Amino acid sequence: KTILGSVLFLLSPLPDVSSIFKISILGENLLVLFFMVRYILLLFKLDNKKALFWILSFLVFISMYGLTIFNHGTISRYKISFMIPYLFVFIYLTKQLQRR
């Protein structure tokens, strides 16, 4: 249940794309996910321990929301509010490690 809820949380509102607003939310979510995956892979190449720590904390956060929230509108509001800070953490750590 936790894994399925987490995946649905990340891909929300994918099963219910019925309006232009939901399509724009889906596009925004996919764009953020693209950059997160890109910077996670870069961080993983530079420092495995830091990457694993931040990936694990992100997955714990997702699993918490994946278990409790089922409304696509609520998911899209909450998801961006914590995915963007994680994205900034991944970008910052990657840039910091690339300078060394």
Protein backbone atom coordinates (compact mmCIF):
# COMPACT_ATOMS: atom_id res chain seq x y z
CA LYS A 1 0.00 0.00 0.00
CA THR A 2 2.83 2.43 0.83
CA ILE A 3 4.69 1.88 -2.44
CA LEU A 4 1.55 2.11 -4.57
CA GLY A 5 0.39 5.21 -2.67
CA SER A 6 3.80 6.82 -3.13
CA VAL A 7 3.83 6.18 -6.87
CA LEU A 8 0.28 7.49 -7.23
CA PHE A 9 1.26 10.50 -5.14
CA LEU A 10 4.17 11.30 -7.48
CA LEU A 11 2.12 10.80 -10.64
CA SER A 12 -1.04 12.51 -9.44
CA PRO A 13 -3.34 13.65 -11.17
CA LEU A 14 -2.35 11.15 -13.90
CA PRO A 15 -5.26 8.72 -13.59
CA ASP A 16 -7.79 11.58 -13.62
CA VAL A 17 -6.61 14.06 -16.27
CA SER A 18 -9.96 15.54 -17.24
CA SER A 19 -9.33 19.27 -17.57
CA ILE A 20 -6.74 21.71 -18.88
CA PHE A 21 -5.91 22.66 -15.29
CA LYS A 22 -5.04 19.05 -14.40
CA ILE A 23 -2.96 18.75 -17.58
CA SER A 24 -0.97 21.82 -16.53
CA ILE A 25 -0.48 20.38 -13.03
CA LEU A 26 0.68 17.10 -14.55
CA GLY A 27 3.14 18.94 -16.81
CA GLU A 28 4.52 20.90 -13.87
CA ASN A 29 4.89 17.73 -11.80
CA LEU A 30 6.65 15.87 -14.60
CA LEU A 31 9.03 18.79 -15.12
CA VAL A 32 9.93 18.88 -11.41
CA LEU A 33 10.35 15.09 -11.37
CA PHE A 34 12.61 15.25 -14.44
CA PHE A 35 14.93 17.74 -12.75
CA MET A 36 14.85 15.79 -9.48
CA VAL A 37 15.88 12.56 -11.20
CA ARG A 38 18.57 14.39 -13.15
CA TYR A 39 20.14 15.94 -10.06
CA ILE A 40 19.71 12.81 -7.96
CA LEU A 41 21.69 10.85 -10.55
CA LEU A 42 24.39 13.54 -10.62
CA LEU A 43 24.54 13.61 -6.83
CA PHE A 44 24.72 9.83 -6.71
CA LYS A 45 27.79 9.91 -8.99
CA LEU A 46 29.49 12.49 -6.79
CA ASP A 47 28.66 11.26 -3.27
CA ASN A 48 26.74 8.03 -2.64
CA LYS A 49 26.20 8.60 1.08
CA LYS A 50 24.67 12.06 0.75
CA ALA A 51 22.54 10.91 -2.17
CA LEU A 52 21.22 7.89 -0.28
CA PHE A 53 20.43 9.99 2.79
CA TRP A 54 18.44 12.57 0.82
CA ILE A 55 16.71 9.98 -1.36
CA LEU A 56 15.68 8.03 1.74
CA SER A 57 14.34 11.15 3.47
CA PHE A 58 12.42 12.06 0.31
CA LEU A 59 10.93 8.56 0.08
CA VAL A 60 9.88 8.63 3.74
CA PHE A 61 8.18 11.97 3.16
CA ILE A 62 6.42 10.66 0.05
CA SER A 63 5.26 7.49 1.79
CA MET A 64 3.70 9.56 4.58
CA TYR A 65 1.66 11.56 2.09
CA GLY A 66 1.00 8.52 -0.10
CA LEU A 67 -0.74 6.81 2.82
CA THR A 68 -2.90 9.73 3.94
CA ILE A 69 -3.96 11.89 0.98
CA PHE A 70 -6.23 10.66 -1.80
CA ASN A 71 -7.59 13.88 -3.34
CA HIS A 72 -5.68 14.93 -6.48
CA GLY A 73 -6.13 18.65 -5.80
CA THR A 74 -4.75 18.33 -2.30
CA ILE A 75 -1.90 16.14 -3.51
CA SER A 76 -0.83 18.66 -6.14
CA ARG A 77 -0.79 21.51 -3.58
CA TYR A 78 1.18 19.59 -0.97
CA LYS A 79 3.50 17.85 -3.39
CA ILE A 80 5.01 20.97 -4.90
CA SER A 81 5.42 22.59 -1.48
CA PHE A 82 7.99 19.98 -0.45
CA MET A 83 9.32 18.73 -3.79
CA ILE A 84 10.76 22.12 -4.73
CA PRO A 85 12.83 22.40 -1.51
CA TYR A 86 14.14 18.87 -2.07
CA LEU A 87 14.98 19.82 -5.65
CA PHE A 88 16.92 22.84 -4.37
CA VAL A 89 18.78 20.60 -1.91
CA PHE A 90 19.76 18.22 -4.71
CA ILE A 91 20.88 21.09 -6.95
CA TYR A 92 22.84 22.77 -4.13
CA LEU A 93 24.63 19.59 -3.08
CA THR A 94 25.45 18.71 -6.68
CA LYS A 95 26.88 22.15 -7.41
CA GLN A 96 28.81 22.17 -4.13
CA LEU A 97 30.37 18.76 -4.82
CA GLN A 98 31.18 19.66 -8.43
CA ARG A 99 33.24 22.64 -7.22
CA ARG A 100 35.54 20.39 -5.17
